[in-house]
Amino acid sequence: MDKVLTKPHISFEIFPPSNNVQNTKIYQTVQALGDLRPEFISVTCNNKRLNFKDSTLRIASYIEKELQIPGVVHLTARYFDKGQIDYILAKLKRVGIHNILVLRGDLVPGREPKNDFKYATDLIDYIKQKDNSFKIFGACYPEGHPESPDKVTDIRRLQTKVAAGCDCLITQMFFSNDTFYQFRENCALANIDVPILAGIMPIVNRSQALHVIQNSASYLPKKFIAMLNRYQTDPAALKATGLAYAINQIVDLVTQDVDGVHLYTMNHPDVARHIYQETETLFAI
């Protein structure tokens, strides 16, 4: 990233459209988010219909060039080989993108994984060996990675990831700040001293709420469950209380000296704007 991370700061994540019809809308979304001048905007690459060049890279380039905001591209270790990574790195340099979020990547049914990079750490190490000028972001899990046998093992793997060249960590979404604070303390004890950005996902509609209840591995506090149960059939009330919950999380995180907040926008600029307007005085933007 060209500029030094300010503290605290807010950043956003978006995902590419699922088809060409939605392309116009995504740029409207990006422009609306750019108006808030976040620290950076990251663009996922889990799209199954459009390739990396025409989705993630194109959107990130627009963010970087047109909005003059650092763009962060997501790369999944599982589905790229060395030749593809070499091409992508060269392309990123040409368009002026210097920031990469490296993930292992979830298994996609019907899609064969590559064999060059088994874990995110392998890809981080490869990128740093090829070109150390890239700033590498990595994922972390306050409650432990679902596939880790225990939290101690998870922290040790995170140590390895940082040692490989990870410059900054972004957490998976969480709904209990106490969980994040314990994780941050565990990282400090393990001498993991890179910035840790808190990933916050506002729950603003019924489908989101049901997905979280049924599929989330995150700890759900009683007050959060009560909110979802009470308002999941009342769209306006659920959105209002979901926004309030996320805002309260952010206020508490900033008072506890969080390095930054990374907002999973779900491509809803109105949600991001509301949260930004309610918390902007907390951030050094």
C-alpha atoms as a PDB file:
ATOM      1  CA  MET A   1       0.000   0.000   0.000  1.00  0.00           C
ATOM      2  CA  ASP A   2       1.467   3.324  -1.033  1.00  0.00           C
ATOM      3  CA  LYS A   3       0.506   5.123   2.141  1.00  0.00           C
ATOM      4  CA  VAL A   4       1.131   4.008   5.683  1.00  0.00           C
ATOM      5  CA  LEU A   5      -1.945   2.621   7.368  1.00  0.00           C
ATOM      6  CA  THR A   6      -3.505   5.226   9.595  1.00  0.00           C
ATOM      7  CA  LYS A   7      -4.967   4.115  12.885  1.00  0.00           C
ATOM      8  CA  PRO A   8      -7.755   3.525  13.393  1.00  0.00           C
ATOM      9  CA  HIS A   9      -9.189   3.309   9.892  1.00  0.00           C
ATOM     10  CA  ILE A  10     -12.082   1.787   7.990  1.00  0.00           C
ATOM     11  CA  SER A  11     -11.921  -0.234   4.781  1.00  0.00           C
ATOM     12  CA  PHE A  12     -14.472  -2.067   2.641  1.00  0.00           C
ATOM     13  CA  GLU A  13     -14.856  -5.403   0.878  1.00  0.00           C
ATOM     14  CA  ILE A  14     -16.922  -5.925  -2.251  1.00  0.00           C
ATOM     15  CA  PHE A  15     -17.447  -8.890  -4.554  1.00  0.00           C
ATOM     16  CA  PRO A  16     -17.663  -8.959  -8.377  1.00  0.00           C
ATOM     17  CA  PRO A  17     -21.057  -9.340 -10.059  1.00  0.00           C
ATOM     18  CA  SER A  18     -22.264 -12.812 -10.941  1.00  0.00           C
ATOM     19  CA  ASN A  19     -22.960 -11.843 -14.560  1.00  0.00           C
ATOM     20  CA  ASN A  20     -22.353  -9.100 -17.105  1.00  0.00           C
ATOM     21  CA  VAL A  21     -25.794  -7.560 -16.566  1.00  0.00           C
ATOM     22  CA  GLN A  22     -24.733  -6.451 -13.083  1.00  0.00           C
ATOM     23  CA  ASN A  23     -21.485  -4.795 -14.217  1.00  0.00           C
ATOM     24  CA  THR A  24     -22.954  -1.295 -14.349  1.00  0.00           C
ATOM     25  CA  LYS A  25     -24.361  -1.641 -10.859  1.00  0.00           C
ATOM     26  CA  ILE A  26     -21.041  -2.743  -9.363  1.00  0.00           C
ATOM     27  CA  TYR A  27     -19.315   0.402 -10.606  1.00  0.00           C
ATOM     28  CA  GLN A  28     -22.097   2.514  -9.125  1.00  0.00           C
ATOM     29  CA  THR A  29     -21.519   0.654  -5.866  1.00  0.00           C
ATOM     30  CA  VAL A  30     -17.776   1.199  -6.028  1.00  0.00           C
ATOM     31  CA  GLN A  31     -18.218   4.901  -6.750  1.00  0.00           C
ATOM     32  CA  ALA A  32     -20.574   5.288  -3.792  1.00  0.00           C
ATOM     33  CA  LEU A  33     -18.099   3.527  -1.510  1.00  0.00           C
ATOM     34  CA  GLY A  34     -15.231   5.568  -2.905  1.00  0.00           C
ATOM     35  CA  ASP A  35     -17.023   8.776  -1.933  1.00  0.00           C
ATOM     36  CA  LEU A  36     -16.475   7.746   1.700  1.00  0.00           C
ATOM     37  CA  ARG A  37     -12.682   7.705   1.167  1.00  0.00           C
ATOM     38  CA  PRO A  38     -11.881   4.432   2.932  1.00  0.00           C
ATOM     39  CA  GLU A  39      -8.316   3.327   3.610  1.00  0.00           C
ATOM     40  CA  PHE A  40      -8.714   0.714   0.855  1.00  0.00           C
ATOM     41  CA  ILE A  41     -11.335  -1.374  -0.944  1.00  0.00           C
ATOM     42  CA  SER A  42     -10.732  -5.089  -1.406  1.00  0.00           C
ATOM     43  CA  VAL A  43     -12.268  -7.092  -4.238  1.00  0.00           C
ATOM     44  CA  THR A  44     -12.934 -10.805  -3.826  1.00  0.00           C
ATOM     45  CA  CYS A  45     -12.222 -13.419  -6.480  1.00  0.00           C
ATOM     46  CA  ASN A  46     -14.746 -16.095  -5.561  1.00  0.00           C
ATOM     47  CA  ASN A  47     -16.776 -15.377  -8.691  1.00  0.00           C
ATOM     48  CA  LYS A  48     -17.576 -18.585 -10.574  1.00  0.00           C
ATOM     49  CA  ARG A  49     -18.715 -17.087 -13.889  1.00  0.00           C
ATOM     50  CA  LEU A  50     -16.291 -14.317 -14.741  1.00  0.00           C
ATOM     51  CA  ASN A  51     -12.528 -14.798 -14.778  1.00  0.00           C
ATOM     52  CA  PHE A  52     -10.075 -12.946 -12.542  1.00  0.00           C
ATOM     53  CA  LYS A  53      -8.958 -10.504 -15.227  1.00  0.00           C
ATOM     54  CA  ASP A  54     -12.471  -9.419 -16.201  1.00  0.00           C
ATOM     55  CA  SER A  55     -13.836  -9.240 -12.670  1.00  0.00           C
ATOM     56  CA  THR A  56     -11.519  -8.773  -9.707  1.00  0.00           C
ATOM     57  CA  LEU A  57      -8.653  -7.126 -11.586  1.00  0.00           C
ATOM     58  CA  ARG A  58     -10.816  -4.796 -13.654  1.00  0.00           C
ATOM     59  CA  ILE A  59     -12.767  -3.550 -10.632  1.00  0.00           C
ATOM     60  CA  ALA A  60      -9.646  -3.122  -8.502  1.00  0.00           C
ATOM     61  CA  SER A  61      -7.980  -1.193 -11.328  1.00  0.00           C
ATOM     62  CA  TYR A  62     -10.962   1.162 -11.482  1.00  0.00           C
ATOM     63  CA  ILE A  63     -10.733   1.705  -7.713  1.00  0.00           C
ATOM     64  CA  GLU A  64      -7.018   2.429  -7.937  1.00  0.00           C
ATOM     65  CA  LYS A  65      -6.979   4.616 -11.070  1.00  0.00           C
ATOM     66  CA  GLU A  66     -10.350   6.357 -11.165  1.00  0.00           C
ATOM     67  CA  LEU A  67     -11.098   6.722  -7.461  1.00  0.00           C
ATOM     68  CA  GLN A  68      -7.487   7.144  -6.315  1.00  0.00           C
ATOM     69  CA  ILE A  69      -8.090   4.692  -3.481  1.00  0.00           C
ATOM     70  CA  PRO A  70      -5.834   1.683  -2.879  1.00  0.00           C
ATOM     71  CA  GLY A  71      -7.375  -1.470  -4.314  1.00  0.00           C
ATOM     72  CA  VAL A  72      -6.673  -4.884  -2.811  1.00  0.00           C
ATOM     73  CA  VAL A  73      -7.144  -7.966  -5.000  1.00  0.00           C
ATOM     74  CA  HIS A  74      -7.986 -11.351  -3.519  1.00  0.00           C
ATOM     75  CA  LEU A  75      -5.994 -14.340  -4.762  1.00  0.00           C
ATOM     76  CA  THR A  76      -6.831 -17.930  -3.853  1.00  0.00           C
ATOM     77  CA  ALA A  77      -3.865 -20.271  -3.559  1.00  0.00           C
ATOM     78  CA  ARG A  78      -5.934 -23.340  -4.308  1.00  0.00           C
ATOM     79  CA  TYR A  79      -6.940 -22.326  -7.832  1.00  0.00           C
ATOM     80  CA  PHE A  80      -3.844 -20.666  -9.317  1.00  0.00           C
ATOM     81  CA  ASP A  81      -0.620 -22.229 -10.546  1.00  0.00           C
ATOM     82  CA  LYS A  82       2.785 -20.526 -10.666  1.00  0.00           C
ATOM     83  CA  GLY A  83       2.442 -19.489 -14.293  1.00  0.00           C
ATOM     84  CA  GLN A  84      -0.873 -17.802 -13.612  1.00  0.00           C
ATOM     85  CA  ILE A  85       0.491 -16.042 -10.538  1.00  0.00           C
ATOM     86  CA  ASP A  86       3.488 -14.769 -12.506  1.00  0.00           C
ATOM     87  CA  TYR A  87       1.137 -13.330 -15.123  1.00  0.00           C
ATOM     88  CA  ILE A  88      -1.099 -11.739 -12.473  1.00  0.00           C
ATOM     89  CA  LEU A  89       1.813 -10.169 -10.594  1.00  0.00           C
ATOM     90  CA  ALA A  90       3.136  -8.624 -13.792  1.00  0.00           C
ATOM     91  CA  LYS A  91      -0.327  -7.350 -14.661  1.00  0.00           C
ATOM     92  CA  LEU A  92      -0.809  -5.861 -11.186  1.00  0.00           C
ATOM     93  CA  LYS A  93       2.482  -3.998 -11.497  1.00  0.00           C
ATOM     94  CA  ARG A  94       1.473  -2.574 -14.871  1.00  0.00           C
ATOM     95  CA  VAL A  95      -1.846  -1.216 -13.614  1.00  0.00           C
ATOM     96  CA  GLY A  96      -0.360   0.087 -10.363  1.00  0.00           C
ATOM     97  CA  ILE A  97      -1.927  -2.286  -7.833  1.00  0.00           C
ATOM     98  CA  HIS A  98       0.418  -3.124  -4.971  1.00  0.00           C
ATOM     99  CA  ASN A  99      -1.858  -4.896  -2.490  1.00  0.00           C
ATOM    100  CA  ILE A 100      -2.944  -8.537  -2.412  1.00  0.00           C
ATOM    101  CA  LEU A 101      -5.129 -10.467   0.014  1.00  0.00           C
ATOM    102  CA  VAL A 102      -3.985 -14.080  -0.138  1.00  0.00           C
ATOM    103  CA  LEU A 103      -6.416 -16.846   0.821  1.00  0.00           C
ATOM    104  CA  ARG A 104      -6.343 -20.591   0.471  1.00  0.00           C
ATOM    105  CA  GLY A 105      -9.822 -20.552  -1.096  1.00  0.00           C
ATOM    106  CA  ASP A 106     -12.857 -22.721  -0.471  1.00  0.00           C
ATOM    107  CA  LEU A 107     -13.447 -25.849  -2.500  1.00  0.00           C
ATOM    108  CA  VAL A 108     -15.701 -25.199  -5.497  1.00  0.00           C
ATOM    109  CA  PRO A 109     -17.730 -28.239  -6.630  1.00  0.00           C
ATOM    110  CA  GLY A 110     -16.740 -29.302 -10.124  1.00  0.00           C
ATOM    111  CA  ARG A 111     -13.579 -27.206 -10.170  1.00  0.00           C
ATOM    112  CA  GLU A 112     -10.236 -28.969  -9.944  1.00  0.00           C
ATOM    113  CA  PRO A 113      -7.696 -27.350  -7.565  1.00  0.00           C
ATOM    114  CA  LYS A 114      -4.177 -26.635  -8.785  1.00  0.00           C
ATOM    115  CA  ASN A 115      -1.265 -28.289  -7.017  1.00  0.00           C
ATOM    116  CA  ASP A 116       1.350 -25.520  -6.829  1.00  0.00           C
ATOM    117  CA  PHE A 117       0.065 -23.855  -3.644  1.00  0.00           C
ATOM    118  CA  LYS A 118      -1.632 -25.976  -1.023  1.00  0.00           C
ATOM    119  CA  TYR A 119      -2.042 -23.224   1.571  1.00  0.00           C
ATOM    120  CA  ALA A 120      -2.188 -19.445   1.611  1.00  0.00           C
ATOM    121  CA  THR A 121       1.241 -19.408   3.266  1.00  0.00           C
ATOM    122  CA  ASP A 122       2.739 -21.148   0.226  1.00  0.00           C
ATOM    123  CA  LEU A 123       1.415 -18.456  -2.094  1.00  0.00           C
ATOM    124  CA  ILE A 124       2.487 -15.638   0.244  1.00  0.00           C
ATOM    125  CA  ASP A 125       6.023 -16.992   0.308  1.00  0.00           C
ATOM    126  CA  TYR A 126       6.068 -17.351  -3.485  1.00  0.00           C
ATOM    127  CA  ILE A 127       4.877 -13.781  -4.075  1.00  0.00           C
ATOM    128  CA  LYS A 128       7.385 -12.325  -1.618  1.00  0.00           C
ATOM    129  CA  GLN A 129      10.202 -14.271  -3.242  1.00  0.00           C
ATOM    130  CA  LYS A 130       9.157 -13.014  -6.687  1.00  0.00           C
ATOM    131  CA  ASP A 131       8.536  -9.373  -5.740  1.00  0.00           C
ATOM    132  CA  ASN A 132       8.835  -8.113  -2.195  1.00  0.00           C
ATOM    133  CA  SER A 133       7.254  -4.769  -3.112  1.00  0.00           C
ATOM    134  CA  PHE A 134       3.746  -6.198  -2.872  1.00  0.00           C
ATOM    135  CA  LYS A 135       1.926  -5.672   0.419  1.00  0.00           C
ATOM    136  CA  ILE A 136       0.313  -8.903   1.486  1.00  0.00           C
ATOM    137  CA  PHE A 137      -2.864  -9.193   3.531  1.00  0.00           C
ATOM    138  CA  GLY A 138      -3.870 -12.499   5.083  1.00  0.00           C
ATOM    139  CA  ALA A 139      -6.988 -13.927   6.676  1.00  0.00           C
ATOM    140  CA  CYS A 140      -7.248 -14.900  10.323  1.00  0.00           C
ATOM    141  CA  TYR A 141      -9.938 -16.451  12.493  1.00  0.00           C
ATOM    142  CA  PRO A 142     -10.582 -15.115  16.025  1.00  0.00           C
ATOM    143  CA  GLU A 143     -12.356 -18.360  16.938  1.00  0.00           C
ATOM    144  CA  GLY A 144      -9.813 -20.536  15.155  1.00  0.00           C
ATOM    145  CA  HIS A 145      -9.905 -21.864  11.614  1.00  0.00           C
ATOM    146  CA  PRO A 146     -12.684 -24.486  11.268  1.00  0.00           C
ATOM    147  CA  GLU A 147     -10.129 -27.077  10.151  1.00  0.00           C
ATOM    148  CA  SER A 148      -7.617 -26.429  12.936  1.00  0.00           C
ATOM    149  CA  PRO A 149      -7.606 -29.033  15.718  1.00  0.00           C
ATOM    150  CA  ASP A 150      -7.263 -26.310  18.373  1.00  0.00           C
ATOM    151  CA  LYS A 151      -6.511 -22.613  18.831  1.00  0.00           C
ATOM    152  CA  VAL A 152      -2.858 -23.214  19.726  1.00  0.00           C
ATOM    153  CA  THR A 153      -2.273 -24.929  16.394  1.00  0.00           C
ATOM    154  CA  ASP A 154      -4.144 -22.146  14.636  1.00  0.00           C
ATOM    155  CA  ILE A 155      -1.933 -19.454  16.193  1.00  0.00           C
ATOM    156  CA  ARG A 156       1.198 -21.398  15.247  1.00  0.00           C
ATOM    157  CA  ARG A 157       0.018 -21.573  11.639  1.00  0.00           C
ATOM    158  CA  LEU A 158      -0.656 -17.853  11.759  1.00  0.00           C
ATOM    159  CA  GLN A 159       2.917 -17.301  12.975  1.00  0.00           C
ATOM    160  CA  THR A 160       4.120 -19.206   9.912  1.00  0.00           C
ATOM    161  CA  LYS A 161       1.922 -17.102   7.632  1.00  0.00           C
ATOM    162  CA  VAL A 162       3.301 -13.849   9.048  1.00  0.00           C
ATOM    163  CA  ALA A 163       6.873 -15.161   8.879  1.00  0.00           C
ATOM    164  CA  ALA A 164       6.318 -15.953   5.186  1.00  0.00           C
ATOM    165  CA  GLY A 165       5.669 -12.275   4.522  1.00  0.00           C
ATOM    166  CA  CYS A 166       2.110 -11.405   5.512  1.00  0.00           C
ATOM    167  CA  ASP A 167       2.091  -7.660   6.287  1.00  0.00           C
ATOM    168  CA  CYS A 168      -1.428  -7.294   7.683  1.00  0.00           C
ATOM    169  CA  LEU A 169      -4.236  -9.580   8.881  1.00  0.00           C
ATOM    170  CA  ILE A 170      -7.993  -9.283   8.361  1.00  0.00           C
ATOM    171  CA  THR A 171     -10.290 -11.324  10.566  1.00  0.00           C
ATOM    172  CA  GLN A 172     -13.213 -13.437   9.565  1.00  0.00           C
ATOM    173  CA  MET A 173     -16.486 -11.863  10.672  1.00  0.00           C
ATOM    174  CA  PHE A 174     -17.276 -12.111  14.368  1.00  0.00           C
ATOM    175  CA  PHE A 175     -20.167 -10.958  16.525  1.00  0.00           C
ATOM    176  CA  SER A 176     -18.543 -11.006  19.954  1.00  0.00           C
ATOM    177  CA  ASN A 177     -15.854  -8.391  20.508  1.00  0.00           C
ATOM    178  CA  ASP A 178     -14.565 -10.289  23.530  1.00  0.00           C
ATOM    179  CA  THR A 179     -13.637 -13.107  21.153  1.00  0.00           C
ATOM    180  CA  PHE A 180     -11.606 -10.668  19.082  1.00  0.00           C
ATOM    181  CA  TYR A 181      -9.841  -9.210  22.122  1.00  0.00           C
ATOM    182  CA  GLN A 182      -8.814 -12.666  23.326  1.00  0.00           C
ATOM    183  CA  PHE A 183      -7.537 -13.520  19.858  1.00  0.00           C
ATOM    184  CA  ARG A 184      -5.562 -10.290  19.675  1.00  0.00           C
ATOM    185  CA  GLU A 185      -3.997 -11.045  23.044  1.00  0.00           C
ATOM    186  CA  ASN A 186      -3.060 -14.548  21.895  1.00  0.00           C
ATOM    187  CA  CYS A 187      -1.407 -13.059  18.813  1.00  0.00           C
ATOM    188  CA  ALA A 188       0.582 -10.628  20.948  1.00  0.00           C
ATOM    189  CA  LEU A 189       1.769 -13.465  23.181  1.00  0.00           C
ATOM    190  CA  ALA A 190       2.903 -15.310  20.042  1.00  0.00           C
ATOM    191  CA  ASN A 191       4.834 -12.213  18.850  1.00  0.00           C
ATOM    192  CA  ILE A 192       2.521 -11.719  15.882  1.00  0.00           C
ATOM    193  CA  ASP A 193       3.010  -7.976  15.567  1.00  0.00           C
ATOM    194  CA  VAL A 194       1.416  -7.043  12.221  1.00  0.00           C
ATOM    195  CA  PRO A 195      -1.785  -4.936  12.164  1.00  0.00           C
ATOM    196  CA  ILE A 196      -4.989  -6.925  12.745  1.00  0.00           C
ATOM    197  CA  LEU A 197      -8.102  -5.487  11.110  1.00  0.00           C
ATOM    198  CA  ALA A 198     -11.457  -6.464  12.602  1.00  0.00           C
ATOM    199  CA  GLY A 199     -13.863  -7.873  10.024  1.00  0.00           C
ATOM    200  CA  ILE A 200     -17.421  -6.697  10.662  1.00  0.00           C
ATOM    201  CA  MET A 201     -20.482  -7.867   8.725  1.00  0.00           C
ATOM    202  CA  PRO A 202     -23.712  -5.947   9.357  1.00  0.00           C
ATOM    203  CA  ILE A 203     -26.751  -8.248   9.282  1.00  0.00           C
ATOM    204  CA  VAL A 204     -29.458  -6.293   7.465  1.00  0.00           C
ATOM    205  CA  ASN A 205     -31.876  -8.762   5.866  1.00  0.00           C
ATOM    206  CA  ARG A 206     -33.649 -12.041   6.537  1.00  0.00           C
ATOM    207  CA  SER A 207     -31.614 -14.231   4.182  1.00  0.00           C
ATOM    208  CA  GLN A 208     -28.410 -13.009   5.790  1.00  0.00           C
ATOM    209  CA  ALA A 209     -29.843 -13.631   9.248  1.00  0.00           C
ATOM    210  CA  LEU A 210     -30.946 -17.173   8.426  1.00  0.00           C
ATOM    211  CA  HIS A 211     -27.601 -17.968   6.822  1.00  0.00           C
ATOM    212  CA  VAL A 212     -25.741 -16.782   9.922  1.00  0.00           C
ATOM    213  CA  ILE A 213     -27.986 -18.767  12.252  1.00  0.00           C
ATOM    214  CA  GLN A 214     -27.761 -21.967  10.217  1.00  0.00           C
ATOM    215  CA  ASN A 215     -24.219 -21.904   8.861  1.00  0.00           C
ATOM    216  CA  SER A 216     -21.996 -19.539  10.804  1.00  0.00           C
ATOM    217  CA  ALA A 217     -19.216 -21.072  12.837  1.00  0.00           C
ATOM    218  CA  SER A 218     -18.934 -17.812  14.764  1.00  0.00           C
ATOM    219  CA  TYR A 219     -20.061 -17.552  18.349  1.00  0.00           C
ATOM    220  CA  LEU A 220     -23.411 -15.780  18.432  1.00  0.00           C
ATOM    221  CA  PRO A 221     -24.036 -13.837  21.669  1.00  0.00           C
ATOM    222  CA  LYS A 222     -27.476 -14.118  23.262  1.00  0.00           C
ATOM    223  CA  LYS A 223     -28.369 -10.525  22.412  1.00  0.00           C
ATOM    224  CA  PHE A 224     -27.446 -11.139  18.778  1.00  0.00           C
ATOM    225  CA  ILE A 225     -29.580 -14.286  18.566  1.00  0.00           C
ATOM    226  CA  ALA A 226     -32.463 -12.467  20.256  1.00  0.00           C
ATOM    227  CA  MET A 227     -32.235  -9.707  17.671  1.00  0.00           C
ATOM    228  CA  LEU A 228     -32.334 -12.150  14.762  1.00  0.00           C
ATOM    229  CA  ASN A 229     -35.179 -14.209  16.230  1.00  0.00           C
ATOM    230  CA  ARG A 230     -37.299 -11.183  17.060  1.00  0.00           C
ATOM    231  CA  TYR A 231     -36.945  -9.262  13.809  1.00  0.00           C
ATOM    232  CA  GLN A 232     -36.179 -11.750  11.048  1.00  0.00           C
ATOM    233  CA  THR A 233     -39.747 -11.363   9.696  1.00  0.00           C
ATOM    234  CA  ASP A 234     -39.705  -7.560  10.059  1.00  0.00           C
ATOM    235  CA  PRO A 235     -37.315  -6.282   7.365  1.00  0.00           C
ATOM    236  CA  ALA A 236     -37.165  -2.652   8.481  1.00  0.00           C
ATOM    237  CA  ALA A 237     -36.629  -3.499  12.142  1.00  0.00           C
ATOM    238  CA  LEU A 238     -34.029  -6.157  11.347  1.00  0.00           C
ATOM    239  CA  LYS A 239     -32.046  -3.730   9.202  1.00  0.00           C
ATOM    240  CA  ALA A 240     -32.187  -1.018  11.860  1.00  0.00           C
ATOM    241  CA  THR A 241     -31.133  -3.310  14.698  1.00  0.00           C
ATOM    242  CA  GLY A 242     -28.501  -5.030  12.550  1.00  0.00           C
ATOM    243  CA  LEU A 243     -26.928  -1.688  11.726  1.00  0.00           C
ATOM    244  CA  ALA A 244     -27.075  -0.635  15.368  1.00  0.00           C
ATOM    245  CA  TYR A 245     -25.379  -3.867  16.433  1.00  0.00           C
ATOM    246  CA  ALA A 246     -22.540  -3.396  13.949  1.00  0.00           C
ATOM    247  CA  ILE A 247     -22.105   0.254  14.932  1.00  0.00           C
ATOM    248  CA  ASN A 248     -21.916  -0.691  18.623  1.00  0.00           C
ATOM    249  CA  GLN A 249     -19.282  -3.290  17.777  1.00  0.00           C
ATOM    250  CA  ILE A 250     -17.222  -0.705  15.903  1.00  0.00           C
ATOM    251  CA  VAL A 251     -17.466   1.928  18.635  1.00  0.00           C
ATOM    252  CA  ASP A 252     -16.307  -0.596  21.213  1.00  0.00           C
ATOM    253  CA  LEU A 253     -13.458  -1.810  18.979  1.00  0.00           C
ATOM    254  CA  VAL A 254     -12.152   1.709  18.434  1.00  0.00           C
ATOM    255  CA  THR A 255     -12.226   2.434  22.175  1.00  0.00           C
ATOM    256  CA  GLN A 256     -10.109  -0.698  22.605  1.00  0.00           C
ATOM    257  CA  ASP A 257      -7.489   0.576  20.147  1.00  0.00           C
ATOM    258  CA  VAL A 258      -8.285  -1.647  17.157  1.00  0.00           C
ATOM    259  CA  ASP A 259      -5.884  -1.238  14.237  1.00  0.00           C
ATOM    260  CA  GLY A 260      -8.763  -0.875  11.823  1.00  0.00           C
ATOM    261  CA  VAL A 261     -12.227  -2.089  10.837  1.00  0.00           C
ATOM    262  CA  HIS A 262     -12.818  -3.958   7.580  1.00  0.00           C
ATOM    263  CA  LEU A 263     -16.492  -3.800   6.639  1.00  0.00           C
ATOM    264  CA  TYR A 264     -17.973  -6.671   4.663  1.00  0.00           C
ATOM    265  CA  THR A 265     -20.388  -4.496   2.678  1.00  0.00           C
ATOM    266  CA  MET A 266     -22.131  -7.285   0.727  1.00  0.00           C
ATOM    267  CA  ASN A 267     -22.207  -4.663  -2.072  1.00  0.00           C
ATOM    268  CA  HIS A 268     -24.657  -2.470  -0.136  1.00  0.00           C
ATOM    269  CA  PRO A 269     -23.232   1.070  -0.273  1.00  0.00           C
ATOM    270  CA  ASP A 270     -26.188   2.445   1.690  1.00  0.00           C
ATOM    271  CA  VAL A 271     -25.256   0.207   4.600  1.00  0.00           C
ATOM    272  CA  ALA A 272     -21.619   1.272   4.435  1.00  0.00           C
ATOM    273  CA  ARG A 273     -22.583   4.941   4.223  1.00  0.00           C
ATOM    274  CA  HIS A 274     -24.882   4.737   7.234  1.00  0.00           C
ATOM    275  CA  ILE A 275     -22.219   3.037   9.345  1.00  0.00           C
ATOM    276  CA  TYR A 276     -19.585   5.478   8.154  1.00  0.00           C
ATOM    277  CA  GLN A 277     -21.743   8.494   8.974  1.00  0.00           C
ATOM    278  CA  GLU A 278     -22.423   7.144  12.455  1.00  0.00           C
ATOM    279  CA  THR A 279     -18.751   6.412  13.193  1.00  0.00           C
ATOM    280  CA  GLU A 280     -16.720   8.776  11.001  1.00  0.00           C
ATOM    281  CA  THR A 281     -15.461  10.890  13.888  1.00  0.00           C
ATOM    282  CA  LEU A 282     -13.758   7.782  15.286  1.00  0.00           C
ATOM    283  CA  PHE A 283     -11.603   7.205  12.233  1.00  0.00           C
ATOM    284  CA  ALA A 284      -8.530   9.074  11.029  1.00  0.00           C
ATOM    285  CA  ILE A 285      -9.477   9.249   7.353  1.00  0.00           C
END
